[in-house]
Amino acid sequence: MSVQIAPSILSADFAALGEAVATAERGGADLIHIDVMDGHFVPNITIGPLVVKALKRVATRPLDVHLMIAEPDCYIEAFAEAGAAMISVHVEVLPHLHRTVHAIKALGAKAGVVLNPSTPVCAIEEIAADVDFVLVMSVNPGFGGQSFIPRSVEKIAAVRALLNRSGNPGAEIEVDGGIDMKTAARVVEAGARILVAGNAVFGTPNPEQATRDLKALANGVLTGHGGR
């Protein structure tokens, strides 16, 4: 088991997304994280299935699509067809989360649920056995470059414990928000195995090296602590 690094294109130059993806991949990126925002669930608007389809043509790593939108059920099929290998949806907007998770799986993508900072871990107790991964937001969603919320470390550990209790130890924990060379070790120690990094990669002069350094640090922590 190793820690996967998922650079977030939210912090990349939107005029050169293909090159941004290629640069991150040269640095050892395991996934490419794509934040989809609708201006309703979160106060920002980003991209849709057409951009995901375009990135699928150039990316050599799986596309990890995070739907920060008010009506994800209306779009999961379009994003799956566009090439998303992973699709995560927010528990806060879905009254029929079980149905949505299994609909994502039926489309051939890995299904994840997302917890905002103020959403308690118990909100996913009834779906924990069904998910492929859980994404813990360590900032409030909507914009890149925010500061890591310290309480997220305990939340990650609580999610790990819930997944294990639910008979789903293979489900991974992804963490998104404020991940950098200072915070990565703490979330890996707590149980995160997929680290989303935006500004810490694309906000640097050398995104390729930044990706490589973050991956080396995260996996060094994992090796030193013997895994989960």
C-alpha atoms as a PDB file:
ATOM      1  CA  MET A   1       0.000   0.000   0.000  1.00  0.00           C
ATOM      2  CA  SER A   2       1.273   3.453  -0.932  1.00  0.00           C
ATOM      3  CA  VAL A   3       0.005   6.996  -0.792  1.00  0.00           C
ATOM      4  CA  GLN A   4      -1.401   8.316  -4.052  1.00  0.00           C
ATOM      5  CA  ILE A   5      -0.955  11.936  -5.082  1.00  0.00           C
ATOM      6  CA  ALA A   6      -3.806  13.583  -6.990  1.00  0.00           C
ATOM      7  CA  PRO A   7      -2.820  17.061  -8.228  1.00  0.00           C
ATOM      8  CA  SER A   8      -5.878  19.286  -8.557  1.00  0.00           C
ATOM      9  CA  ILE A   9      -6.199  21.185 -11.814  1.00  0.00           C
ATOM     10  CA  LEU A  10      -8.288  23.813  -9.995  1.00  0.00           C
ATOM     11  CA  SER A  11      -4.981  25.527  -9.218  1.00  0.00           C
ATOM     12  CA  ALA A  12      -3.495  25.023 -12.685  1.00  0.00           C
ATOM     13  CA  ASP A  13      -3.451  27.419 -15.640  1.00  0.00           C
ATOM     14  CA  PHE A  14      -6.790  26.763 -17.364  1.00  0.00           C
ATOM     15  CA  ALA A  15      -5.287  27.988 -20.637  1.00  0.00           C
ATOM     16  CA  ALA A  16      -2.793  25.131 -20.574  1.00  0.00           C
ATOM     17  CA  LEU A  17      -4.479  22.237 -18.765  1.00  0.00           C
ATOM     18  CA  GLY A  18      -2.975  19.579 -21.008  1.00  0.00           C
ATOM     19  CA  GLU A  19       0.547  20.685 -20.184  1.00  0.00           C
ATOM     20  CA  ALA A  20      -0.317  20.999 -16.492  1.00  0.00           C
ATOM     21  CA  VAL A  21      -1.505  17.394 -16.443  1.00  0.00           C
ATOM     22  CA  ALA A  22       1.603  16.219 -18.299  1.00  0.00           C
ATOM     23  CA  THR A  23       3.862  18.082 -15.868  1.00  0.00           C
ATOM     24  CA  ALA A  24       2.184  16.535 -12.833  1.00  0.00           C
ATOM     25  CA  GLU A  25       2.365  13.092 -14.388  1.00  0.00           C
ATOM     26  CA  ARG A  26       6.084  13.478 -15.004  1.00  0.00           C
ATOM     27  CA  GLY A  27       6.403  14.188 -11.283  1.00  0.00           C
ATOM     28  CA  GLY A  28       4.735  10.893 -10.427  1.00  0.00           C
ATOM     29  CA  ALA A  29       1.080  11.889 -10.032  1.00  0.00           C
ATOM     30  CA  ASP A  30      -1.120   8.826  -9.520  1.00  0.00           C
ATOM     31  CA  LEU A  31      -4.438  10.545 -10.291  1.00  0.00           C
ATOM     32  CA  ILE A  32      -5.622  13.817 -11.756  1.00  0.00           C
ATOM     33  CA  HIS A  33      -8.179  15.516  -9.524  1.00  0.00           C
ATOM     34  CA  ILE A  34     -10.916  17.522 -11.236  1.00  0.00           C
ATOM     35  CA  ASP A  35     -13.177  19.795  -9.180  1.00  0.00           C
ATOM     36  CA  VAL A  36     -16.583  20.372 -10.736  1.00  0.00           C
ATOM     37  CA  MET A  37     -18.474  23.355  -9.270  1.00  0.00           C
ATOM     38  CA  ASP A  38     -21.896  24.677 -10.245  1.00  0.00           C
ATOM     39  CA  GLY A  39     -22.202  28.032  -8.495  1.00  0.00           C
ATOM     40  CA  HIS A  40     -25.063  26.677  -6.372  1.00  0.00           C
ATOM     41  CA  PHE A  41     -23.696  24.108  -3.945  1.00  0.00           C
ATOM     42  CA  VAL A  42     -20.427  26.036  -3.802  1.00  0.00           C
ATOM     43  CA  PRO A  43     -19.788  29.711  -4.675  1.00  0.00           C
ATOM     44  CA  ASN A  44     -17.740  29.078  -7.795  1.00  0.00           C
ATOM     45  CA  ILE A  45     -18.157  27.706 -11.314  1.00  0.00           C
ATOM     46  CA  THR A  46     -15.535  25.552 -12.988  1.00  0.00           C
ATOM     47  CA  ILE A  47     -15.795  22.889 -15.687  1.00  0.00           C
ATOM     48  CA  GLY A  48     -18.072  20.220 -17.105  1.00  0.00           C
ATOM     49  CA  PRO A  49     -17.982  16.880 -18.934  1.00  0.00           C
ATOM     50  CA  LEU A  50     -16.546  18.350 -22.145  1.00  0.00           C
ATOM     51  CA  VAL A  51     -13.348  19.408 -20.385  1.00  0.00           C
ATOM     52  CA  VAL A  52     -13.083  16.026 -18.672  1.00  0.00           C
ATOM     53  CA  LYS A  53     -13.446  14.354 -22.074  1.00  0.00           C
ATOM     54  CA  ALA A  54     -10.678  16.550 -23.479  1.00  0.00           C
ATOM     55  CA  LEU A  55      -8.376  15.785 -20.540  1.00  0.00           C
ATOM     56  CA  LYS A  56      -9.068  12.073 -20.930  1.00  0.00           C
ATOM     57  CA  ARG A  57      -7.442  12.251 -24.356  1.00  0.00           C
ATOM     58  CA  VAL A  58      -4.148  13.507 -22.934  1.00  0.00           C
ATOM     59  CA  ALA A  59      -3.994  12.114 -19.390  1.00  0.00           C
ATOM     60  CA  THR A  60      -2.251   8.827 -18.719  1.00  0.00           C
ATOM     61  CA  ARG A  61      -3.451   8.662 -15.110  1.00  0.00           C
ATOM     62  CA  PRO A  62      -7.039   8.017 -13.945  1.00  0.00           C
ATOM     63  CA  LEU A  63      -9.303  11.053 -13.675  1.00  0.00           C
ATOM     64  CA  ASP A  64     -10.707  11.655 -10.192  1.00  0.00           C
ATOM     65  CA  VAL A  65     -13.842  13.788 -10.568  1.00  0.00           C
ATOM     66  CA  HIS A  66     -15.229  15.545  -7.491  1.00  0.00           C
ATOM     67  CA  LEU A  67     -18.790  16.760  -8.053  1.00  0.00           C
ATOM     68  CA  MET A  68     -19.367  19.848  -5.913  1.00  0.00           C
ATOM     69  CA  ILE A  69     -22.799  20.345  -7.442  1.00  0.00           C
ATOM     70  CA  ALA A  70     -26.381  20.526  -6.221  1.00  0.00           C
ATOM     71  CA  GLU A  71     -27.805  17.787  -8.472  1.00  0.00           C
ATOM     72  CA  PRO A  72     -25.104  15.172  -9.106  1.00  0.00           C
ATOM     73  CA  ASP A  73     -27.608  12.508 -10.163  1.00  0.00           C
ATOM     74  CA  CYS A  74     -28.249  14.504 -13.327  1.00  0.00           C
ATOM     75  CA  TYR A  75     -24.605  14.420 -14.394  1.00  0.00           C
ATOM     76  CA  ILE A  76     -22.882  11.255 -13.178  1.00  0.00           C
ATOM     77  CA  GLU A  77     -23.565   9.411 -16.422  1.00  0.00           C
ATOM     78  CA  ALA A  78     -22.116  12.260 -18.500  1.00  0.00           C
ATOM     79  CA  PHE A  79     -18.947  12.392 -16.417  1.00  0.00           C
ATOM     80  CA  ALA A  80     -18.535   8.616 -16.514  1.00  0.00           C
ATOM     81  CA  GLU A  81     -18.901   8.652 -20.292  1.00  0.00           C
ATOM     82  CA  ALA A  82     -16.401  11.516 -20.477  1.00  0.00           C
ATOM     83  CA  GLY A  83     -13.780   9.323 -18.837  1.00  0.00           C
ATOM     84  CA  ALA A  84     -13.999   9.724 -15.065  1.00  0.00           C
ATOM     85  CA  ALA A  85     -12.455   6.718 -13.307  1.00  0.00           C
ATOM     86  CA  MET A  86     -13.550   7.969  -9.881  1.00  0.00           C
ATOM     87  CA  ILE A  87     -16.620  10.046  -9.076  1.00  0.00           C
ATOM     88  CA  SER A  88     -17.304  11.498  -5.644  1.00  0.00           C
ATOM     89  CA  VAL A  89     -20.547  13.124  -4.517  1.00  0.00           C
ATOM     90  CA  HIS A  90     -21.476  15.136  -1.449  1.00  0.00           C
ATOM     91  CA  VAL A  91     -23.595  13.569   1.259  1.00  0.00           C
ATOM     92  CA  GLU A  92     -25.022  17.022   1.997  1.00  0.00           C
ATOM     93  CA  VAL A  93     -27.037  17.176  -1.261  1.00  0.00           C
ATOM     94  CA  LEU A  94     -28.199  13.592  -1.676  1.00  0.00           C
ATOM     95  CA  PRO A  95     -31.244  12.209   0.148  1.00  0.00           C
ATOM     96  CA  HIS A  96     -30.825   8.898  -1.718  1.00  0.00           C
ATOM     97  CA  LEU A  97     -27.092   8.424  -1.352  1.00  0.00           C
ATOM     98  CA  HIS A  98     -27.189   4.622  -1.523  1.00  0.00           C
ATOM     99  CA  ARG A  99     -28.849   4.776  -4.939  1.00  0.00           C
ATOM    100  CA  THR A 100     -26.355   7.295  -6.253  1.00  0.00           C
ATOM    101  CA  VAL A 101     -23.315   5.344  -5.034  1.00  0.00           C
ATOM    102  CA  HIS A 102     -24.509   2.205  -6.756  1.00  0.00           C
ATOM    103  CA  ALA A 103     -25.414   4.119  -9.906  1.00  0.00           C
ATOM    104  CA  ILE A 104     -21.816   5.351 -10.117  1.00  0.00           C
ATOM    105  CA  LYS A 105     -20.518   1.809  -9.707  1.00  0.00           C
ATOM    106  CA  ALA A 106     -22.900   0.533 -12.384  1.00  0.00           C
ATOM    107  CA  LEU A 107     -21.311   3.045 -14.783  1.00  0.00           C
ATOM    108  CA  GLY A 108     -17.903   1.473 -14.176  1.00  0.00           C
ATOM    109  CA  ALA A 109     -16.399   4.185 -11.989  1.00  0.00           C
ATOM    110  CA  LYS A 110     -15.252   4.023  -8.392  1.00  0.00           C
ATOM    111  CA  ALA A 111     -17.803   5.650  -6.103  1.00  0.00           C
ATOM    112  CA  GLY A 112     -16.878   8.043  -3.323  1.00  0.00           C
ATOM    113  CA  VAL A 113     -18.775  10.173  -0.836  1.00  0.00           C
ATOM    114  CA  VAL A 114     -17.578  13.552   0.380  1.00  0.00           C
ATOM    115  CA  LEU A 115     -17.813  15.117   3.824  1.00  0.00           C
ATOM    116  CA  ASN A 116     -17.661  18.894   4.228  1.00  0.00           C
ATOM    117  CA  PRO A 117     -15.831  20.225   7.304  1.00  0.00           C
ATOM    118  CA  SER A 118     -19.061  20.698   9.279  1.00  0.00           C
ATOM    119  CA  THR A 119     -20.586  17.354   8.292  1.00  0.00           C
ATOM    120  CA  PRO A 120     -20.182  14.656  10.969  1.00  0.00           C
ATOM    121  CA  VAL A 121     -18.687  11.282  10.172  1.00  0.00           C
ATOM    122  CA  CYS A 122     -21.890   9.570  11.313  1.00  0.00           C
ATOM    123  CA  ALA A 123     -23.604  10.970   8.194  1.00  0.00           C
ATOM    124  CA  ILE A 124     -22.053   8.149   6.152  1.00  0.00           C
ATOM    125  CA  GLU A 125     -22.529   5.350   8.661  1.00  0.00           C
ATOM    126  CA  GLU A 126     -25.238   3.617   6.609  1.00  0.00           C
ATOM    127  CA  ILE A 127     -23.275   3.826   3.341  1.00  0.00           C
ATOM    128  CA  ALA A 128     -19.761   3.106   4.663  1.00  0.00           C
ATOM    129  CA  ALA A 129     -19.878  -0.542   3.623  1.00  0.00           C
ATOM    130  CA  ASP A 130     -20.714   0.357   0.017  1.00  0.00           C
ATOM    131  CA  VAL A 131     -18.243   3.087  -0.924  1.00  0.00           C
ATOM    132  CA  ASP A 132     -14.937   2.695  -2.721  1.00  0.00           C
ATOM    133  CA  PHE A 133     -13.500   5.770  -1.005  1.00  0.00           C
ATOM    134  CA  VAL A 134     -14.389   8.671   1.257  1.00  0.00           C
ATOM    135  CA  LEU A 135     -13.201  12.196   0.516  1.00  0.00           C
ATOM    136  CA  VAL A 136     -12.683  14.325   3.618  1.00  0.00           C
ATOM    137  CA  MET A 137     -12.706  18.041   2.881  1.00  0.00           C
ATOM    138  CA  SER A 138     -10.082  19.751   5.008  1.00  0.00           C
ATOM    139  CA  VAL A 139     -11.189  23.188   3.794  1.00  0.00           C
ATOM    140  CA  ASN A 140     -14.604  24.530   2.881  1.00  0.00           C
ATOM    141  CA  PRO A 141     -15.163  23.672  -0.787  1.00  0.00           C
ATOM    142  CA  GLY A 142     -15.287  26.264  -3.520  1.00  0.00           C
ATOM    143  CA  PHE A 143     -11.851  27.810  -3.898  1.00  0.00           C
ATOM    144  CA  GLY A 144      -8.230  26.675  -3.971  1.00  0.00           C
ATOM    145  CA  GLY A 145      -5.426  27.978  -1.805  1.00  0.00           C
ATOM    146  CA  GLN A 146      -7.254  27.772   1.543  1.00  0.00           C
ATOM    147  CA  SER A 147      -5.659  26.881   4.865  1.00  0.00           C
ATOM    148  CA  PHE A 148      -5.931  23.369   6.258  1.00  0.00           C
ATOM    149  CA  ILE A 149      -8.497  22.915   9.059  1.00  0.00           C
ATOM    150  CA  PRO A 150      -6.592  21.158  11.894  1.00  0.00           C
ATOM    151  CA  ARG A 151      -9.628  19.233  13.181  1.00  0.00           C
ATOM    152  CA  SER A 152      -9.573  17.304   9.886  1.00  0.00           C
ATOM    153  CA  VAL A 153      -6.859  15.015  11.251  1.00  0.00           C
ATOM    154  CA  GLU A 154      -9.171  13.549  13.890  1.00  0.00           C
ATOM    155  CA  LYS A 155     -11.955  13.316  11.333  1.00  0.00           C
ATOM    156  CA  ILE A 156      -9.815  11.241   8.979  1.00  0.00           C
ATOM    157  CA  ALA A 157      -9.017   8.836  11.796  1.00  0.00           C
ATOM    158  CA  ALA A 158     -12.718   8.565  12.642  1.00  0.00           C
ATOM    159  CA  VAL A 159     -13.605   7.786   9.023  1.00  0.00           C
ATOM    160  CA  ARG A 160     -10.926   5.103   8.932  1.00  0.00           C
ATOM    161  CA  ALA A 161     -12.361   3.517  12.052  1.00  0.00           C
ATOM    162  CA  LEU A 162     -15.888   3.620  10.621  1.00  0.00           C
ATOM    163  CA  LEU A 163     -14.846   1.983   7.352  1.00  0.00           C
ATOM    164  CA  ASN A 164     -13.049  -0.768   9.233  1.00  0.00           C
ATOM    165  CA  ARG A 165     -16.021  -1.373  11.534  1.00  0.00           C
ATOM    166  CA  SER A 166     -18.303  -1.527   8.513  1.00  0.00           C
ATOM    167  CA  GLY A 167     -16.328  -4.386   6.982  1.00  0.00           C
ATOM    168  CA  ASN A 168     -14.840  -2.175   4.277  1.00  0.00           C
ATOM    169  CA  PRO A 169     -11.131  -1.907   5.145  1.00  0.00           C
ATOM    170  CA  GLY A 170     -10.195  -1.676   1.469  1.00  0.00           C
ATOM    171  CA  ALA A 171     -11.982   1.643   1.000  1.00  0.00           C
ATOM    172  CA  GLU A 172      -9.489   4.485   0.827  1.00  0.00           C
ATOM    173  CA  ILE A 173      -9.619   7.910   2.443  1.00  0.00           C
ATOM    174  CA  GLU A 174      -8.917  10.888   0.233  1.00  0.00           C
ATOM    175  CA  VAL A 175      -8.262  14.324   1.704  1.00  0.00           C
ATOM    176  CA  ASP A 176      -8.591  17.633  -0.100  1.00  0.00           C
ATOM    177  CA  GLY A 177      -7.716  21.116   1.096  1.00  0.00           C
ATOM    178  CA  GLY A 178      -4.542  22.753   2.323  1.00  0.00           C
ATOM    179  CA  ILE A 179      -2.392  19.700   1.647  1.00  0.00           C
ATOM    180  CA  ASP A 180       1.284  20.561   1.372  1.00  0.00           C
ATOM    181  CA  MET A 181       4.682  19.538   2.708  1.00  0.00           C
ATOM    182  CA  LYS A 182       3.641  20.665   6.208  1.00  0.00           C
ATOM    183  CA  THR A 183       0.246  18.945   6.477  1.00  0.00           C
ATOM    184  CA  ALA A 184       0.750  15.784   4.396  1.00  0.00           C
ATOM    185  CA  ALA A 185       2.437  13.801   7.143  1.00  0.00           C
ATOM    186  CA  ARG A 186      -0.386  14.432   9.604  1.00  0.00           C
ATOM    187  CA  VAL A 187      -3.130  13.218   7.301  1.00  0.00           C
ATOM    188  CA  VAL A 188      -1.185  10.146   6.209  1.00  0.00           C
ATOM    189  CA  GLU A 189      -0.608   9.217   9.855  1.00  0.00           C
ATOM    190  CA  ALA A 190      -4.365   9.571  10.432  1.00  0.00           C
ATOM    191  CA  GLY A 191      -5.195   7.179   7.594  1.00  0.00           C
ATOM    192  CA  ALA A 192      -5.425   9.175   4.355  1.00  0.00           C
ATOM    193  CA  ARG A 193      -4.059   7.360   1.310  1.00  0.00           C
ATOM    194  CA  ILE A 194      -5.026   9.757  -1.489  1.00  0.00           C
ATOM    195  CA  LEU A 195      -3.795  13.331  -1.160  1.00  0.00           C
ATOM    196  CA  VAL A 196      -5.280  16.056  -3.316  1.00  0.00           C
ATOM    197  CA  ALA A 197      -2.868  18.944  -3.767  1.00  0.00           C
ATOM    198  CA  GLY A 198      -3.600  22.020  -5.831  1.00  0.00           C
ATOM    199  CA  ASN A 199      -1.689  25.125  -4.851  1.00  0.00           C
ATOM    200  CA  ALA A 200       1.131  23.023  -3.350  1.00  0.00           C
ATOM    201  CA  VAL A 201       1.756  21.657  -6.853  1.00  0.00           C
ATOM    202  CA  PHE A 202       0.600  24.188  -9.432  1.00  0.00           C
ATOM    203  CA  GLY A 203       1.278  27.229  -7.271  1.00  0.00           C
ATOM    204  CA  THR A 204       5.007  26.475  -7.279  1.00  0.00           C
ATOM    205  CA  PRO A 205       7.671  27.364  -9.869  1.00  0.00           C
ATOM    206  CA  ASN A 206       8.232  23.660 -10.575  1.00  0.00           C
ATOM    207  CA  PRO A 207       5.015  21.584 -10.373  1.00  0.00           C
ATOM    208  CA  GLU A 208       6.818  18.447 -11.519  1.00  0.00           C
ATOM    209  CA  GLN A 209       9.303  18.590  -8.656  1.00  0.00           C
ATOM    210  CA  ALA A 210       6.613  19.633  -6.183  1.00  0.00           C
ATOM    211  CA  THR A 211       4.592  16.528  -7.069  1.00  0.00           C
ATOM    212  CA  ARG A 212       7.662  14.340  -6.700  1.00  0.00           C
ATOM    213  CA  ASP A 213       8.591  15.844  -3.334  1.00  0.00           C
ATOM    214  CA  LEU A 214       5.083  15.523  -1.903  1.00  0.00           C
ATOM    215  CA  LYS A 215       4.846  11.909  -2.999  1.00  0.00           C
ATOM    216  CA  ALA A 216       8.219  11.052  -1.495  1.00  0.00           C
ATOM    217  CA  LEU A 217       7.336  12.707   1.804  1.00  0.00           C
ATOM    218  CA  ALA A 218       3.930  11.029   2.070  1.00  0.00           C
ATOM    219  CA  ASN A 219       5.231   7.574   1.299  1.00  0.00           C
ATOM    220  CA  GLY A 220       8.186   8.085   3.613  1.00  0.00           C
ATOM    221  CA  VAL A 221       5.763   8.745   6.449  1.00  0.00           C
ATOM    222  CA  LEU A 222       3.743   5.675   5.505  1.00  0.00           C
ATOM    223  CA  THR A 223       6.797   3.431   5.459  1.00  0.00           C
ATOM    224  CA  GLY A 224       8.002   4.789   8.777  1.00  0.00           C
ATOM    225  CA  HIS A 225       4.679   4.083  10.477  1.00  0.00           C
ATOM    226  CA  GLY A 226       3.976   0.689   8.955  1.00  0.00           C
ATOM    227  CA  GLY A 227       0.781   1.568   7.076  1.00  0.00           C
ATOM    228  CA  ARG A 228      -2.720   1.661   8.468  1.00  0.00           C
END
